[in-house]
Amino acid sequence: MKKSIMAIVVLITFAVPSICAEIDGQWIGVVDGMDGKPLELTYRFKAEEETLVGLIESRLGGGPISDGKIDGKNIEFTLNAGENIVIINNGTLSGDEIHLFETIGKEKIKVVLKRVKR
């Protein structure tokens, strides 16, 4: 029994950091821009234990994410887009995709991000 419990503890100890590390790297997604043209978004994420840090870039500008959290496969972060525009992001990591919901005021937009392979 003690060996079983110890094995579970070891698996959990090593599994959580590896899940968090899966998000590290560059991701690309496309949304409809305010002008009706596709807007490509580039995300660069890094997990630091349960904290998610990173940057977002587009042809309209970009900036760092804030309040980033990662809990297993679930992520959340905020982007301050200027002019009192706050974008709240919640998503799920699924292999080489992140299914992300961006909330801007009352509007919710779904974005699928794809991992950029190096």
Protein backbone atom coordinates (compact mmCIF):
# COMPACT_ATOMS: atom_id res chain seq x y z
CA MET A 1 0.00 0.00 0.00
CA LYS A 2 2.80 2.42 0.90
CA LYS A 3 4.48 1.68 -2.45
CA SER A 4 1.26 2.47 -4.33
CA ILE A 5 0.82 5.78 -2.53
CA MET A 6 4.47 6.67 -3.12
CA ALA A 7 4.15 5.82 -6.83
CA ILE A 8 1.11 8.11 -7.15
CA VAL A 9 2.93 10.97 -5.39
CA VAL A 10 5.93 10.57 -7.73
CA LEU A 11 3.69 10.54 -10.82
CA ILE A 12 1.85 13.68 -9.73
CA THR A 13 5.11 15.43 -8.86
CA PHE A 14 6.56 14.85 -12.31
CA ALA A 15 3.34 15.10 -14.37
CA VAL A 16 2.29 18.63 -13.33
CA PRO A 17 5.52 20.37 -14.45
CA SER A 18 5.47 18.50 -17.78
CA ILE A 19 1.85 19.57 -18.46
CA CYS A 20 2.77 23.18 -17.70
CA ALA A 21 5.82 22.98 -19.97
CA GLU A 22 3.60 21.86 -22.88
CA ILE A 23 2.41 25.44 -23.34
CA ASP A 24 5.90 26.95 -23.65
CA GLY A 25 6.55 28.38 -27.09
CA GLN A 26 4.91 30.26 -29.93
CA TRP A 27 1.25 29.92 -30.97
CA ILE A 28 -0.68 31.46 -33.90
CA GLY A 29 -4.39 32.24 -34.21
CA VAL A 30 -6.62 34.29 -36.51
CA VAL A 31 -9.67 36.41 -35.64
CA ASP A 32 -11.82 38.77 -37.69
CA GLY A 33 -10.40 42.26 -37.30
CA MET A 34 -12.58 45.30 -36.71
CA ASP A 35 -12.06 46.17 -40.39
CA GLY A 36 -13.43 42.77 -41.44
CA LYS A 37 -10.02 41.50 -42.50
CA PRO A 38 -8.37 38.49 -40.84
CA LEU A 39 -6.10 39.51 -37.97
CA GLU A 40 -3.27 37.08 -37.18
CA LEU A 41 -2.33 36.91 -33.51
CA THR A 42 0.99 35.57 -32.31
CA TYR A 43 1.22 34.40 -28.70
CA ARG A 44 4.45 33.54 -26.91
CA PHE A 45 3.82 31.65 -23.66
CA LYS A 46 6.00 30.35 -20.86
CA ALA A 47 4.79 28.53 -17.76
CA GLU A 48 6.58 29.32 -14.51
CA GLU A 49 5.05 26.74 -12.18
CA GLU A 50 1.38 27.84 -11.94
CA THR A 51 2.01 31.27 -13.45
CA LEU A 52 1.64 31.90 -17.17
CA VAL A 53 3.70 34.72 -18.69
CA GLY A 54 3.93 35.85 -22.27
CA LEU A 55 3.35 38.34 -25.06
CA ILE A 56 0.75 38.84 -27.76
CA GLU A 57 1.59 40.49 -31.09
CA SER A 58 -0.46 41.47 -34.15
CA ARG A 59 -0.29 44.00 -37.00
CA LEU A 60 -2.16 46.37 -34.67
CA GLY A 61 0.38 46.10 -31.86
CA GLY A 62 0.60 43.91 -28.81
CA GLY A 63 1.92 43.64 -25.32
CA PRO A 64 2.49 41.43 -22.32
CA ILE A 65 -0.20 39.33 -20.75
CA SER A 66 -1.05 39.84 -17.09
CA ASP A 67 -2.68 37.79 -14.34
CA GLY A 68 -1.65 34.60 -16.17
CA LYS A 69 -2.45 31.28 -14.53
CA ILE A 70 -2.11 27.67 -15.61
CA ASP A 71 -3.85 24.81 -13.85
CA GLY A 72 -3.23 21.52 -15.62
CA LYS A 73 -4.58 22.04 -19.14
CA ASN A 74 -6.57 25.19 -18.25
CA ILE A 75 -5.17 28.67 -18.78
CA GLU A 76 -6.34 32.19 -18.10
CA PHE A 77 -4.80 35.60 -18.60
CA THR A 78 -5.65 39.24 -19.28
CA LEU A 79 -4.49 41.60 -22.01
CA ASN A 80 -4.75 45.36 -21.58
CA ALA A 81 -5.31 46.60 -25.15
CA GLY A 82 -5.23 50.33 -24.34
CA GLU A 83 -8.04 52.89 -24.24
CA ASN A 84 -9.53 51.05 -21.24
CA ILE A 85 -9.96 47.85 -23.27
CA VAL A 86 -9.37 44.73 -21.19
CA ILE A 87 -9.49 41.33 -22.88
CA ILE A 88 -10.05 38.38 -20.53
CA ASN A 89 -8.83 35.05 -21.93
CA ASN A 90 -9.74 31.53 -20.78
CA GLY A 91 -8.76 28.39 -22.60
CA THR A 92 -7.79 24.77 -22.67
CA LEU A 93 -4.56 23.24 -23.93
CA SER A 94 -5.17 20.20 -26.15
CA GLY A 95 -1.97 18.85 -27.70
CA ASP A 96 -0.85 21.31 -30.38
CA GLU A 97 -3.96 23.49 -30.01
CA ILE A 98 -5.29 25.93 -27.46
CA HIS A 99 -9.05 26.52 -27.53
CA LEU A 100 -9.27 30.07 -26.25
CA PHE A 101 -12.24 32.31 -25.43
CA GLU A 102 -11.52 36.04 -25.45
CA THR A 103 -14.04 38.19 -23.62
CA ILE A 104 -14.19 41.89 -24.47
CA GLY A 105 -17.02 43.53 -22.54
CA LYS A 106 -20.10 41.43 -23.34
CA GLU A 107 -18.64 39.93 -26.51
CA LYS A 108 -17.02 36.49 -26.43
CA ILE A 109 -14.80 35.31 -29.30
CA LYS A 110 -13.49 31.78 -29.78
CA VAL A 111 -9.96 31.48 -31.13
CA VAL A 112 -8.11 28.25 -31.89
CA LEU A 113 -4.36 28.70 -31.51
CA LYS A 114 -1.95 26.34 -33.27
CA ARG A 115 1.52 25.59 -31.98
CA VAL A 116 4.34 26.86 -34.20
CA LYS A 117 6.69 23.90 -34.72
CA ARG A 118 10.39 24.62 -34.67
